[in-house]
């Protein structure tokens, strides 16, 4: 069964809620999903999945340095041609998901556009968008195999 790795850094729980919604959508399309904080992932294990979604809240107009380091390590492995997605919550500016997507593209991943950015705590409508992204990821992963 195709596998999706969902990796996130969530300072206030908002990006974690997004990750769980993405997982719900992918699972509904019969994809094996592992969703965990980046602290619980080995970059090599995440990179071995057929699809990778990475999320971070925005801090000082960027992704948090620990998730940036994780992403850089993960993208040093063979991820070219894999399906990717970037997501995250923000309070003011929301650059982190865009930066994640750019790094994924430069590593040769096929990133779903647009990136999913949600301001503050996700509403019910926002979670529905996360579920939709999970479904889209699952379908693209299946077609990419």
Protein backbone atom coordinates (compact mmCIF):
# COMPACT_ATOMS: atom_id res chain seq x y z
CA UNK A 1 0.00 0.00 0.00
CA UNK A 2 1.34 3.48 -0.84
CA UNK A 3 2.61 5.43 2.15
CA UNK A 4 2.30 9.09 3.15
CA UNK A 5 4.57 10.62 5.79
CA UNK A 6 3.14 13.69 7.50
CA UNK A 7 5.78 15.63 9.43
CA UNK A 8 4.97 18.77 11.39
CA UNK A 9 6.22 21.32 13.90
CA UNK A 10 3.38 22.85 15.86
CA UNK A 11 4.04 25.39 18.60
CA UNK A 12 0.41 25.93 19.65
CA UNK A 13 -1.28 22.78 18.30
CA UNK A 14 -2.77 24.44 15.23
CA UNK A 15 -0.44 22.89 12.64
CA UNK A 16 -0.89 19.53 14.41
CA UNK A 17 -4.66 19.81 13.87
CA UNK A 18 -4.00 20.47 10.20
CA UNK A 19 -1.73 17.40 10.00
CA UNK A 20 -4.43 15.23 11.55
CA UNK A 21 -6.99 16.50 9.01
CA UNK A 22 -4.63 15.75 6.12
CA UNK A 23 -4.11 12.24 7.53
CA UNK A 24 -7.87 11.70 7.77
CA UNK A 25 -8.32 12.59 4.11
CA UNK A 26 -5.48 10.34 2.93
CA UNK A 27 -6.64 7.39 5.05
CA UNK A 28 -10.13 7.72 3.51
CA UNK A 29 -8.46 7.04 0.13
CA UNK A 30 -6.72 3.86 1.35
CA UNK A 31 -3.24 5.23 1.86
CA UNK A 32 -1.00 4.10 4.71
CA UNK A 33 -0.33 7.25 6.76
CA UNK A 34 2.11 8.05 9.52
CA UNK A 35 1.56 11.46 11.12
CA UNK A 36 4.01 12.62 13.77
CA UNK A 37 5.84 15.62 15.10
CA UNK A 38 9.23 16.03 13.45
CA UNK A 39 10.77 15.25 16.87
CA UNK A 40 9.44 11.69 16.44
CA UNK A 41 10.67 11.19 12.87
CA UNK A 42 14.01 10.19 11.45
CA UNK A 43 14.50 12.25 8.26
CA UNK A 44 15.50 9.10 6.33
CA UNK A 45 12.31 7.29 7.37
CA UNK A 46 10.12 10.20 6.30
CA UNK A 47 11.95 10.40 2.97
CA UNK A 48 11.29 6.72 2.29
CA UNK A 49 7.53 7.29 1.98
CA UNK A 50 5.85 7.62 -1.43
CA UNK A 51 4.52 11.05 -0.48
CA UNK A 52 5.63 13.58 2.11
CA UNK A 53 3.67 16.44 3.66
CA UNK A 54 5.61 18.86 5.84
CA UNK A 55 4.03 21.50 8.03
CA UNK A 56 5.34 24.31 10.18
CA UNK A 57 3.93 27.31 11.89
CA UNK A 58 5.59 30.58 10.90
CA UNK A 59 8.06 32.20 13.29
CA UNK A 60 9.77 35.52 12.52
CA UNK A 61 8.63 35.37 8.87
CA UNK A 62 10.14 31.89 8.33
CA UNK A 63 9.84 28.24 9.25
CA UNK A 64 11.23 27.33 12.65
CA UNK A 65 14.98 26.49 12.51
CA UNK A 66 14.50 22.91 13.85
CA UNK A 67 12.03 21.97 11.07
CA UNK A 68 14.29 23.66 8.52
CA UNK A 69 17.20 21.48 9.67
CA UNK A 70 14.98 18.37 9.54
CA UNK A 71 13.74 19.29 6.05
CA UNK A 72 17.28 19.88 4.77
CA UNK A 73 18.39 16.47 6.08
CA UNK A 74 15.35 14.75 4.61
CA UNK A 75 15.81 16.39 1.21
CA UNK A 76 19.44 15.24 1.02
CA UNK A 77 18.07 11.74 0.42
CA UNK A 78 16.46 10.54 -2.81
CA UNK A 79 13.09 12.32 -2.91
CA UNK A 80 13.11 13.38 -6.57
CA UNK A 81 9.79 12.61 -8.27
CA UNK A 82 7.90 12.02 -5.01
CA UNK A 83 4.65 13.79 -4.24
CA UNK A 84 4.86 16.56 -1.65
CA UNK A 85 2.72 19.08 0.15
CA UNK A 86 3.41 21.97 2.49
CA UNK A 87 1.09 23.34 5.14
CA UNK A 88 1.05 25.40 8.29
CA UNK A 89 -0.68 27.85 10.53
CA UNK A 90 0.35 31.42 11.15
CA UNK A 91 -0.62 34.52 13.06
CA UNK A 92 0.63 37.35 10.86
CA UNK A 93 2.65 36.52 7.79
CA UNK A 94 2.53 32.79 6.93
CA UNK A 95 5.77 32.31 4.96
CA UNK A 96 6.80 28.91 6.36
CA UNK A 97 4.64 26.67 4.10
CA UNK A 98 5.76 28.59 1.00
CA UNK A 99 9.41 28.14 2.01
CA UNK A 100 8.88 24.43 2.63
CA UNK A 101 7.27 23.99 -0.79
CA UNK A 102 10.14 25.87 -2.47
CA UNK A 103 12.74 23.60 -0.83
CA UNK A 104 10.75 20.50 -1.85
CA UNK A 105 10.52 21.69 -5.47
CA UNK A 106 14.26 22.42 -5.59
CA UNK A 107 14.86 18.83 -4.44
CA UNK A 108 12.78 17.58 -7.40
CA UNK A 109 9.53 16.78 -5.61
CA UNK A 110 6.14 17.29 -7.28
CA UNK A 111 4.47 19.67 -4.83
CA UNK A 112 0.72 20.18 -4.72
CA UNK A 113 -0.29 23.81 -5.19
CA UNK A 114 -1.38 25.96 -3.58
CA UNK A 115 0.28 25.39 -0.24
CA UNK A 116 -2.22 25.19 2.62
CA UNK A 117 -1.93 28.13 5.01
CA UNK A 118 -4.44 28.70 7.80
CA UNK A 119 -4.46 31.70 10.08
CA UNK A 120 -4.65 30.91 13.79
CA UNK A 121 -6.65 27.88 14.98
CA UNK A 122 -8.28 25.89 12.15
CA UNK A 123 -12.05 26.20 11.93
CA UNK A 124 -14.32 23.37 10.81
CA UNK A 125 -14.13 24.76 7.26
CA UNK A 126 -10.32 24.87 7.48
CA UNK A 127 -10.15 21.25 8.64
CA UNK A 128 -12.32 20.31 5.64
CA UNK A 129 -9.62 21.90 3.44
CA UNK A 130 -6.99 19.79 5.23
CA UNK A 131 -9.04 16.64 4.61
CA UNK A 132 -9.34 17.63 0.93
CA UNK A 133 -5.56 18.06 0.71
CA UNK A 134 -5.11 14.59 2.20
CA UNK A 135 -7.44 13.12 -0.41
CA UNK A 136 -5.60 14.96 -3.20
CA UNK A 137 -2.26 13.73 -1.89
CA UNK A 138 -3.51 10.15 -1.78
CA UNK A 139 -4.77 10.25 -5.36
CA UNK A 140 -1.54 11.79 -6.67
CA UNK A 141 0.55 9.25 -4.77
CA UNK A 142 -1.48 6.37 -6.24
CA UNK A 143 -1.05 7.75 -9.78
CA UNK A 144 2.67 8.33 -9.23
CA UNK A 145 3.41 4.72 -8.26
